[in-house]
Amino acid sequence: MRVTSKGQVTIPKYIRDKIGVRAGSNVEFIEKGGEFVLTRAKTEMSRHEHELAELRAHLDKISGTGISGLTADEIMEMTRGPFEDVDAG
């Protein structure tokens, strides 16, 4: 397959049919043993959700704290401390 100047390739029809993708489907590349495997994305995530999932996985890896199940607000509270109303008092 030839790669375009934009980094695009055309996935042959027999492969699209085999992995169940069509126009508008999301695909992902998974690294396995130094090679990359094209698969249909398991879930349809927005770019923001994908980036957040990558960040959580990275934080779990470097911290060993298991924070991937926490919400963004819980993570922010852990890093900044509890939110206090500056107008109170």
PDB file of N, CA and C in Angstrom:
ATOM      1  N   MET A   1       0.847  -1.179   0.000  1.00  0.00           N
ATOM      2  CA  MET A   1       0.000   0.000   0.000  1.00  0.00           C
ATOM      3  C   MET A   1       0.885   1.232   0.000  1.00  0.00           C
ATOM      4  N   ARG A   2       0.437   2.225  -0.691  1.00  0.00           N
ATOM      5  CA  ARG A   2       1.164   3.481  -0.762  1.00  0.00           C
ATOM      6  C   ARG A   2       0.580   4.461   0.255  1.00  0.00           C
ATOM      7  N   VAL A   3       1.451   5.177   0.948  1.00  0.00           N
ATOM      8  CA  VAL A   3       1.038   6.184   1.918  1.00  0.00           C
ATOM      9  C   VAL A   3       1.032   7.541   1.229  1.00  0.00           C
ATOM     10  N   THR A   4      -0.077   8.303   1.421  1.00  0.00           N
ATOM     11  CA  THR A   4      -0.164   9.631   0.813  1.00  0.00           C
ATOM     12  C   THR A   4       0.675  10.629   1.606  1.00  0.00           C
ATOM     13  N   SER A   5       0.812  11.832   1.075  1.00  0.00           N
ATOM     14  CA  SER A   5       1.579  12.876   1.764  1.00  0.00           C
ATOM     15  C   SER A   5       0.936  13.259   3.094  1.00  0.00           C
ATOM     16  N   LYS A   6      -0.353  12.942   3.271  1.00  0.00           N
ATOM     17  CA  LYS A   6      -1.050  13.212   4.536  1.00  0.00           C
ATOM     18  C   LYS A   6      -0.981  12.017   5.484  1.00  0.00           C
ATOM     19  N   GLY A   7      -0.245  10.977   5.122  1.00  0.00           N
ATOM     20  CA  GLY A   7      -0.123   9.803   5.976  1.00  0.00           C
ATOM     21  C   GLY A   7      -1.299   8.859   5.876  1.00  0.00           C
ATOM     22  N   GLN A   8      -2.071   8.947   4.810  1.00  0.00           N
ATOM     23  CA  GLN A   8      -3.262   8.123   4.658  1.00  0.00           C
ATOM     24  C   GLN A   8      -2.999   6.928   3.751  1.00  0.00           C
ATOM     25  N   VAL A   9      -3.717   5.836   4.030  1.00  0.00           N
ATOM     26  CA  VAL A   9      -3.703   4.660   3.167  1.00  0.00           C
ATOM     27  C   VAL A   9      -5.143   4.228   2.955  1.00  0.00           C
ATOM     28  N   THR A  10      -5.379   3.509   1.888  1.00  0.00           N
ATOM     29  CA  THR A  10      -6.696   2.937   1.644  1.00  0.00           C
ATOM     30  C   THR A  10      -6.684   1.504   2.146  1.00  0.00           C
ATOM     31  N   ILE A  11      -7.616   1.191   3.043  1.00  0.00           N
ATOM     32  CA  ILE A  11      -7.727  -0.170   3.560  1.00  0.00           C
ATOM     33  C   ILE A  11      -8.494  -0.979   2.519  1.00  0.00           C
ATOM     34  N   PRO A  12      -7.906  -2.046   1.990  1.00  0.00           N
ATOM     35  CA  PRO A  12      -8.594  -2.841   0.976  1.00  0.00           C
ATOM     36  C   PRO A  12      -9.941  -3.361   1.476  1.00  0.00           C
ATOM     37  N   LYS A  13     -10.885  -3.494   0.557  1.00  0.00           N
ATOM     38  CA  LYS A  13     -12.249  -3.892   0.900  1.00  0.00           C
ATOM     39  C   LYS A  13     -12.298  -5.224   1.635  1.00  0.00           C
ATOM     40  N   TYR A  14     -11.511  -6.199   1.207  1.00  0.00           N
ATOM     41  CA  TYR A  14     -11.573  -7.502   1.874  1.00  0.00           C
ATOM     42  C   TYR A  14     -11.146  -7.396   3.343  1.00  0.00           C
ATOM     43  N   ILE A  15     -10.234  -6.482   3.666  1.00  0.00           N
ATOM     44  CA  ILE A  15      -9.830  -6.275   5.060  1.00  0.00           C
ATOM     45  C   ILE A  15     -10.924  -5.528   5.816  1.00  0.00           C
ATOM     46  N   ARG A  16     -11.494  -4.473   5.189  1.00  0.00           N
ATOM     47  CA  ARG A  16     -12.597  -3.737   5.834  1.00  0.00           C
ATOM     48  C   ARG A  16     -13.742  -4.685   6.160  1.00  0.00           C
ATOM     49  N   ASP A  17     -14.081  -5.555   5.212  1.00  0.00           N
ATOM     50  CA  ASP A  17     -15.165  -6.511   5.435  1.00  0.00           C
ATOM     51  C   ASP A  17     -14.824  -7.478   6.571  1.00  0.00           C
ATOM     52  N   LYS A  18     -13.586  -7.944   6.602  1.00  0.00           N
ATOM     53  CA  LYS A  18     -13.178  -8.933   7.593  1.00  0.00           C
ATOM     54  C   LYS A  18     -13.188  -8.368   9.011  1.00  0.00           C
ATOM     55  N   ILE A  19     -12.772  -7.093   9.179  1.00  0.00           N
ATOM     56  CA  ILE A  19     -12.752  -6.533  10.531  1.00  0.00           C
ATOM     57  C   ILE A  19     -14.005  -5.724  10.845  1.00  0.00           C
ATOM     58  N   GLY A  20     -14.900  -5.597   9.870  1.00  0.00           N
ATOM     59  CA  GLY A  20     -16.187  -4.964  10.117  1.00  0.00           C
ATOM     60  C   GLY A  20     -16.161  -3.455  10.204  1.00  0.00           C
ATOM     61  N   VAL A  21     -15.384  -2.820   9.348  1.00  0.00           N
ATOM     62  CA  VAL A  21     -15.378  -1.358   9.335  1.00  0.00           C
ATOM     63  C   VAL A  21     -15.964  -0.844   8.026  1.00  0.00           C
ATOM     64  N   ARG A  22     -16.560   0.326   8.119  1.00  0.00           N
ATOM     65  CA  ARG A  22     -17.101   0.991   6.934  1.00  0.00           C
ATOM     66  C   ARG A  22     -16.858   2.481   7.104  1.00  0.00           C
ATOM     67  N   ALA A  23     -17.277   3.278   6.166  1.00  0.00           N
ATOM     68  CA  ALA A  23     -17.078   4.729   6.253  1.00  0.00           C
ATOM     69  C   ALA A  23     -17.632   5.246   7.571  1.00  0.00           C
ATOM     70  N   GLY A  24     -16.830   6.019   8.284  1.00  0.00           N
ATOM     71  CA  GLY A  24     -17.242   6.583   9.562  1.00  0.00           C
ATOM     72  C   GLY A  24     -16.858   5.740  10.767  1.00  0.00           C
ATOM     73  N   SER A  25     -16.408   4.502  10.533  1.00  0.00           N
ATOM     74  CA  SER A  25     -15.976   3.646  11.645  1.00  0.00           C
ATOM     75  C   SER A  25     -14.661   4.160  12.212  1.00  0.00           C
ATOM     76  N   ASN A  26     -14.426   3.857  13.481  1.00  0.00           N
ATOM     77  CA  ASN A  26     -13.145   4.174  14.101  1.00  0.00           C
ATOM     78  C   ASN A  26     -12.294   2.918  14.139  1.00  0.00           C
ATOM     79  N   VAL A  27     -11.028   3.080  13.822  1.00  0.00           N
ATOM     80  CA  VAL A  27     -10.071   1.985  13.888  1.00  0.00           C
ATOM     81  C   VAL A  27      -8.928   2.425  14.784  1.00  0.00           C
ATOM     82  N   GLU A  28      -8.157   1.452  15.227  1.00  0.00           N
ATOM     83  CA  GLU A  28      -6.986   1.776  16.024  1.00  0.00           C
ATOM     84  C   GLU A  28      -5.858   0.836  15.658  1.00  0.00           C
ATOM     85  N   PHE A  29      -4.654   1.279  15.932  1.00  0.00           N
ATOM     86  CA  PHE A  29      -3.478   0.459  15.727  1.00  0.00           C
ATOM     87  C   PHE A  29      -2.969   0.055  17.097  1.00  0.00           C
ATOM     88  N   ILE A  30      -2.784  -1.249  17.292  1.00  0.00           N
ATOM     89  CA  ILE A  30      -2.294  -1.779  18.557  1.00  0.00           C
ATOM     90  C   ILE A  30      -0.925  -2.381  18.310  1.00  0.00           C
ATOM     91  N   GLU A  31       0.039  -2.015  19.152  1.00  0.00           N
ATOM     92  CA  GLU A  31       1.385  -2.558  19.014  1.00  0.00           C
ATOM     93  C   GLU A  31       1.452  -3.925  19.671  1.00  0.00           C
ATOM     94  N   LYS A  32       1.916  -4.893  18.911  1.00  0.00           N
ATOM     95  CA  LYS A  32       2.075  -6.256  19.409  1.00  0.00           C
ATOM     96  C   LYS A  32       3.415  -6.784  18.926  1.00  0.00           C
ATOM     97  N   GLY A  33       4.310  -6.971  19.851  1.00  0.00           N
ATOM     98  CA  GLY A  33       5.613  -7.550  19.510  1.00  0.00           C
ATOM     99  C   GLY A  33       6.395  -6.762  18.481  1.00  0.00           C
ATOM    100  N   GLY A  34       6.355  -5.448  18.560  1.00  0.00           N
ATOM    101  CA  GLY A  34       7.110  -4.611  17.638  1.00  0.00           C
ATOM    102  C   GLY A  34       6.415  -4.355  16.309  1.00  0.00           C
ATOM    103  N   GLU A  35       5.237  -4.920  16.115  1.00  0.00           N
ATOM    104  CA  GLU A  35       4.453  -4.677  14.910  1.00  0.00           C
ATOM    105  C   GLU A  35       3.143  -4.017  15.310  1.00  0.00           C
ATOM    106  N   PHE A  36       2.496  -3.383  14.353  1.00  0.00           N
ATOM    107  CA  PHE A  36       1.219  -2.744  14.624  1.00  0.00           C
ATOM    108  C   PHE A  36       0.114  -3.503  13.913  1.00  0.00           C
ATOM    109  N   VAL A  37      -0.990  -3.694  14.647  1.00  0.00           N
ATOM    110  CA  VAL A  37      -2.136  -4.433  14.143  1.00  0.00           C
ATOM    111  C   VAL A  37      -3.304  -3.462  14.036  1.00  0.00           C
ATOM    112  N   LEU A  38      -3.961  -3.444  12.875  1.00  0.00           N
ATOM    113  CA  LEU A  38      -5.135  -2.608  12.661  1.00  0.00           C
ATOM    114  C   LEU A  38      -6.360  -3.352  13.148  1.00  0.00           C
ATOM    115  N   THR A  39      -7.158  -2.713  14.019  1.00  0.00           N
ATOM    116  CA  THR A  39      -8.386  -3.315  14.500  1.00  0.00           C
ATOM    117  C   THR A  39      -9.494  -2.275  14.507  1.00  0.00           C
ATOM    118  N   ARG A  40     -10.714  -2.754  14.541  1.00  0.00           N
ATOM    119  CA  ARG A  40     -11.847  -1.862  14.733  1.00  0.00           C
ATOM    120  C   ARG A  40     -11.801  -1.405  16.180  1.00  0.00           C
ATOM    121  N   ALA A  41     -12.031  -0.125  16.425  1.00  0.00           N
ATOM    122  CA  ALA A  41     -12.016   0.391  17.792  1.00  0.00           C
ATOM    123  C   ALA A  41     -13.124  -0.283  18.592  1.00  0.00           C
ATOM    124  N   LYS A  42     -12.800  -0.667  19.819  1.00  0.00           N
ATOM    125  CA  LYS A  42     -13.780  -1.359  20.658  1.00  0.00           C
ATOM    126  C   LYS A  42     -14.915  -0.435  21.066  1.00  0.00           C
ATOM    127  N   THR A  43     -14.589   0.810  21.328  1.00  0.00           N
ATOM    128  CA  THR A  43     -15.611   1.791  21.684  1.00  0.00           C
ATOM    129  C   THR A  43     -15.405   3.038  20.856  1.00  0.00           C
ATOM    130  N   GLU A  44     -16.462   3.740  20.639  1.00  0.00           N
ATOM    131  CA  GLU A  44     -16.386   4.994  19.908  1.00  0.00           C
ATOM    132  C   GLU A  44     -16.128   6.109  20.921  1.00  0.00           C
ATOM    133  N   MET A  45     -14.869   6.525  21.041  1.00  0.00           N
ATOM    134  CA  MET A  45     -14.509   7.573  21.986  1.00  0.00           C
ATOM    135  C   MET A  45     -14.202   8.857  21.239  1.00  0.00           C
ATOM    136  N   SER A  46     -14.524   9.956  21.875  1.00  0.00           N
ATOM    137  CA  SER A  46     -14.123  11.239  21.312  1.00  0.00           C
ATOM    138  C   SER A  46     -12.617  11.394  21.510  1.00  0.00           C
ATOM    139  N   ARG A  47     -12.040  12.332  20.817  1.00  0.00           N
ATOM    140  CA  ARG A  47     -10.601  12.578  20.951  1.00  0.00           C
ATOM    141  C   ARG A  47     -10.267  12.919  22.407  1.00  0.00           C
ATOM    142  N   HIS A  48     -11.126  13.727  23.045  1.00  0.00           N
ATOM    143  CA  HIS A  48     -10.912  14.123  24.440  1.00  0.00           C
ATOM    144  C   HIS A  48     -10.931  12.895  25.353  1.00  0.00           C
ATOM    145  N   GLU A  49     -11.907  12.013  25.165  1.00  0.00           N
ATOM    146  CA  GLU A  49     -12.006  10.809  25.995  1.00  0.00           C
ATOM    147  C   GLU A  49     -10.791   9.909  25.799  1.00  0.00           C
ATOM    148  N   HIS A  50     -10.316   9.823  24.551  1.00  0.00           N
ATOM    149  CA  HIS A  50      -9.147   9.005  24.255  1.00  0.00           C
ATOM    150  C   HIS A  50      -7.911   9.576  24.950  1.00  0.00           C
ATOM    151  N   GLU A  51      -7.738  10.901  24.881  1.00  0.00           N
ATOM    152  CA  GLU A  51      -6.585  11.534  25.516  1.00  0.00           C
ATOM    153  C   GLU A  51      -6.646  11.369  27.031  1.00  0.00           C
ATOM    154  N   LEU A  52      -7.845  11.475  27.611  1.00  0.00           N
ATOM    155  CA  LEU A  52      -8.005  11.298  29.048  1.00  0.00           C
ATOM    156  C   LEU A  52      -7.663   9.865  29.457  1.00  0.00           C
ATOM    157  N   ALA A  53      -8.092   8.895  28.667  1.00  0.00           N
ATOM    158  CA  ALA A  53      -7.778   7.493  28.962  1.00  0.00           C
ATOM    159  C   ALA A  53      -6.274   7.255  28.898  1.00  0.00           C
ATOM    160  N   GLU A  54      -5.597   7.851  27.923  1.00  0.00           N
ATOM    161  CA  GLU A  54      -4.147   7.712  27.820  1.00  0.00           C
ATOM    162  C   GLU A  54      -3.452   8.351  29.020  1.00  0.00           C
ATOM    163  N   LEU A  55      -3.937   9.518  29.447  1.00  0.00           N
ATOM    164  CA  LEU A  55      -3.359  10.193  30.606  1.00  0.00           C
ATOM    165  C   LEU A  55      -3.524   9.352  31.868  1.00  0.00           C
ATOM    166  N   ARG A  56      -4.727   8.807  32.066  1.00  0.00           N
ATOM    167  CA  ARG A  56      -4.960   7.979  33.250  1.00  0.00           C
ATOM    168  C   ARG A  56      -4.060   6.746  33.245  1.00  0.00           C
ATOM    169  N   ALA A  57      -3.906   6.116  32.098  1.00  0.00           N
ATOM    170  CA  ALA A  57      -3.043   4.938  32.009  1.00  0.00           C
ATOM    171  C   ALA A  57      -1.597   5.316  32.313  1.00  0.00           C
ATOM    172  N   HIS A  58      -1.157   6.456  31.815  1.00  0.00           N
ATOM    173  CA  HIS A  58       0.212   6.918  32.072  1.00  0.00           C
ATOM    174  C   HIS A  58       0.402   7.221  33.560  1.00  0.00           C
ATOM    175  N   LEU A  59      -0.571   7.898  34.175  1.00  0.00           N
ATOM    176  CA  LEU A  59      -0.473   8.217  35.597  1.00  0.00           C
ATOM    177  C   LEU A  59      -0.449   6.957  36.446  1.00  0.00           C
ATOM    178  N   ASP A  60      -1.268   5.970  36.090  1.00  0.00           N
ATOM    179  CA  ASP A  60      -1.251   4.687  36.812  1.00  0.00           C
ATOM    180  C   ASP A  60       0.128   4.045  36.727  1.00  0.00           C
ATOM    181  N   LYS A  61       0.695   4.099  35.530  1.00  0.00           N
ATOM    182  CA  LYS A  61       1.978   3.449  35.297  1.00  0.00           C
ATOM    183  C   LYS A  61       3.085   4.104  36.119  1.00  0.00           C
ATOM    184  N   ILE A  62       3.126   5.434  36.134  1.00  0.00           N
ATOM    185  CA  ILE A  62       4.236   6.106  36.815  1.00  0.00           C
ATOM    186  C   ILE A  62       4.008   6.275  38.311  1.00  0.00           C
ATOM    187  N   SER A  63       2.758   6.258  38.755  1.00  0.00           N
ATOM    188  CA  SER A  63       2.502   6.510  40.172  1.00  0.00           C
ATOM    189  C   SER A  63       2.214   5.250  40.973  1.00  0.00           C
ATOM    190  N   GLY A  64       1.683   4.237  40.310  1.00  0.00           N
ATOM    191  CA  GLY A  64       1.304   3.024  41.018  1.00  0.00           C
ATOM    192  C   GLY A  64       0.138   3.221  41.976  1.00  0.00           C
ATOM    193  N   THR A  65      -0.629   4.320  41.781  1.00  0.00           N
ATOM    194  CA  THR A  65      -1.708   4.628  42.726  1.00  0.00           C
ATOM    195  C   THR A  65      -3.053   4.073  42.295  1.00  0.00           C
ATOM    196  N   GLY A  66      -3.198   3.609  41.076  1.00  0.00           N
ATOM    197  CA  GLY A  66      -4.469   3.067  40.627  1.00  0.00           C
ATOM    198  C   GLY A  66      -5.555   4.117  40.517  1.00  0.00           C
ATOM    199  N   ILE A  67      -5.225   5.282  39.944  1.00  0.00           N
ATOM    200  CA  ILE A  67      -6.209   6.368  39.888  1.00  0.00           C
ATOM    201  C   ILE A  67      -7.098   6.310  38.661  1.00  0.00           C
ATOM    202  N   SER A  68      -6.933   5.298  37.824  1.00  0.00           N
ATOM    203  CA  SER A  68      -7.679   5.286  36.565  1.00  0.00           C
ATOM    204  C   SER A  68      -9.183   5.238  36.762  1.00  0.00           C
ATOM    205  N   GLY A  69      -9.663   4.785  37.908  1.00  0.00           N
ATOM    206  CA  GLY A  69     -11.101   4.732  38.146  1.00  0.00           C
ATOM    207  C   GLY A  69     -11.677   6.023  38.700  1.00  0.00           C
ATOM    208  N   LEU A  70     -10.833   7.017  38.941  1.00  0.00           N
ATOM    209  CA  LEU A  70     -11.301   8.271  39.520  1.00  0.00           C
ATOM    210  C   LEU A  70     -11.831   9.220  38.461  1.00  0.00           C
ATOM    211  N   THR A  71     -12.698  10.125  38.891  1.00  0.00           N
ATOM    212  CA  THR A  71     -13.190  11.157  37.981  1.00  0.00           C
ATOM    213  C   THR A  71     -12.144  12.257  37.858  1.00  0.00           C
ATOM    214  N   ALA A  72     -12.313  13.119  36.869  1.00  0.00           N
ATOM    215  CA  ALA A  72     -11.391  14.242  36.682  1.00  0.00           C
ATOM    216  C   ALA A  72     -11.405  15.143  37.912  1.00  0.00           C
ATOM    217  N   ASP A  73     -12.581  15.382  38.491  1.00  0.00           N
ATOM    218  CA  ASP A  73     -12.671  16.226  39.689  1.00  0.00           C
ATOM    219  C   ASP A  73     -11.902  15.607  40.862  1.00  0.00           C
ATOM    220  N   GLU A  74     -11.996  14.287  41.017  1.00  0.00           N
ATOM    221  CA  GLU A  74     -11.277  13.616  42.105  1.00  0.00           C
ATOM    222  C   GLU A  74      -9.768  13.716  41.907  1.00  0.00           C
ATOM    223  N   ILE A  75      -9.322  13.576  40.660  1.00  0.00           N
ATOM    224  CA  ILE A  75      -7.897  13.697  40.365  1.00  0.00           C
ATOM    225  C   ILE A  75      -7.420  15.118  40.653  1.00  0.00           C
ATOM    226  N   MET A  76      -8.221  16.112  40.226  1.00  0.00           N
ATOM    227  CA  MET A  76      -7.840  17.510  40.470  1.00  0.00           C
ATOM    228  C   MET A  76      -7.783  17.799  41.965  1.00  0.00           C
ATOM    229  N   GLU A  77      -8.702  17.249  42.744  1.00  0.00           N
ATOM    230  CA  GLU A  77      -8.690  17.460  44.189  1.00  0.00           C
ATOM    231  C   GLU A  77      -7.438  16.845  44.804  1.00  0.00           C
ATOM    232  N   MET A  78      -7.024  15.683  44.279  1.00  0.00           N
ATOM    233  CA  MET A  78      -5.814  15.048  44.785  1.00  0.00           C
ATOM    234  C   MET A  78      -4.580  15.898  44.508  1.00  0.00           C
ATOM    235  N   THR A  79      -4.549  16.539  43.344  1.00  0.00           N
ATOM    236  CA  THR A  79      -3.358  17.299  42.971  1.00  0.00           C
ATOM    237  C   THR A  79      -3.351  18.716  43.521  1.00  0.00           C
ATOM    238  N   ARG A  80      -4.535  19.327  43.719  1.00  0.00           N
ATOM    239  CA  ARG A  80      -4.604  20.706  44.190  1.00  0.00           C
ATOM    240  C   ARG A  80      -5.109  20.833  45.612  1.00  0.00           C
ATOM    241  N   GLY A  81      -5.674  19.786  46.150  1.00  0.00           N
ATOM    242  CA  GLY A  81      -6.312  19.868  47.452  1.00  0.00           C
ATOM    243  C   GLY A  81      -7.774  20.198  47.261  1.00  0.00           C
ATOM    244  N   PRO A  82      -8.572  20.153  48.355  1.00  0.00           N
ATOM    245  CA  PRO A  82     -10.009  20.401  48.222  1.00  0.00           C
ATOM    246  C   PRO A  82     -10.297  21.825  47.773  1.00  0.00           C
ATOM    247  N   PHE A  83     -11.346  21.964  46.993  1.00  0.00           N
ATOM    248  CA  PHE A  83     -11.773  23.283  46.522  1.00  0.00           C
ATOM    249  C   PHE A  83     -12.423  24.028  47.668  1.00  0.00           C
ATOM    250  N   GLU A  84     -11.972  25.235  47.902  1.00  0.00           N
ATOM    251  CA  GLU A  84     -12.552  26.069  48.950  1.00  0.00           C
ATOM    252  C   GLU A  84     -13.043  27.349  48.319  1.00  0.00           C
ATOM    253  N   ASP A  85     -14.211  27.781  48.715  1.00  0.00           N
ATOM    254  CA  ASP A  85     -14.810  28.998  48.175  1.00  0.00           C
ATOM    255  C   ASP A  85     -14.026  30.204  48.687  1.00  0.00           C
ATOM    256  N   VAL A  86     -13.428  30.970  47.762  1.00  0.00           N
ATOM    257  CA  VAL A  86     -12.628  32.118  48.154  1.00  0.00           C
ATOM    258  C   VAL A  86     -13.485  33.266  48.694  1.00  0.00           C
ATOM    259  N   ASP A  87     -14.782  33.262  48.403  1.00  0.00           N
ATOM    260  CA  ASP A  87     -15.658  34.311  48.894  1.00  0.00           C
ATOM    261  C   ASP A  87     -16.190  34.020  50.289  1.00  0.00           C
ATOM    262  N   ALA A  88     -16.021  32.803  50.772  1.00  0.00           N
ATOM    263  CA  ALA A  88     -16.529  32.449  52.100  1.00  0.00           C
ATOM    264  C   ALA A  88     -15.660  33.093  53.182  1.00  0.00           C
ATOM    265  N   GLY A  89     -16.295  33.436  54.287  1.00  0.00           N
ATOM    266  CA  GLY A  89     -15.509  33.903  55.387  1.00  0.00           C
ATOM    267  C   GLY A  89     -15.693  35.319  55.656  1.00  0.00           C
TER     268      GLY A  89
END
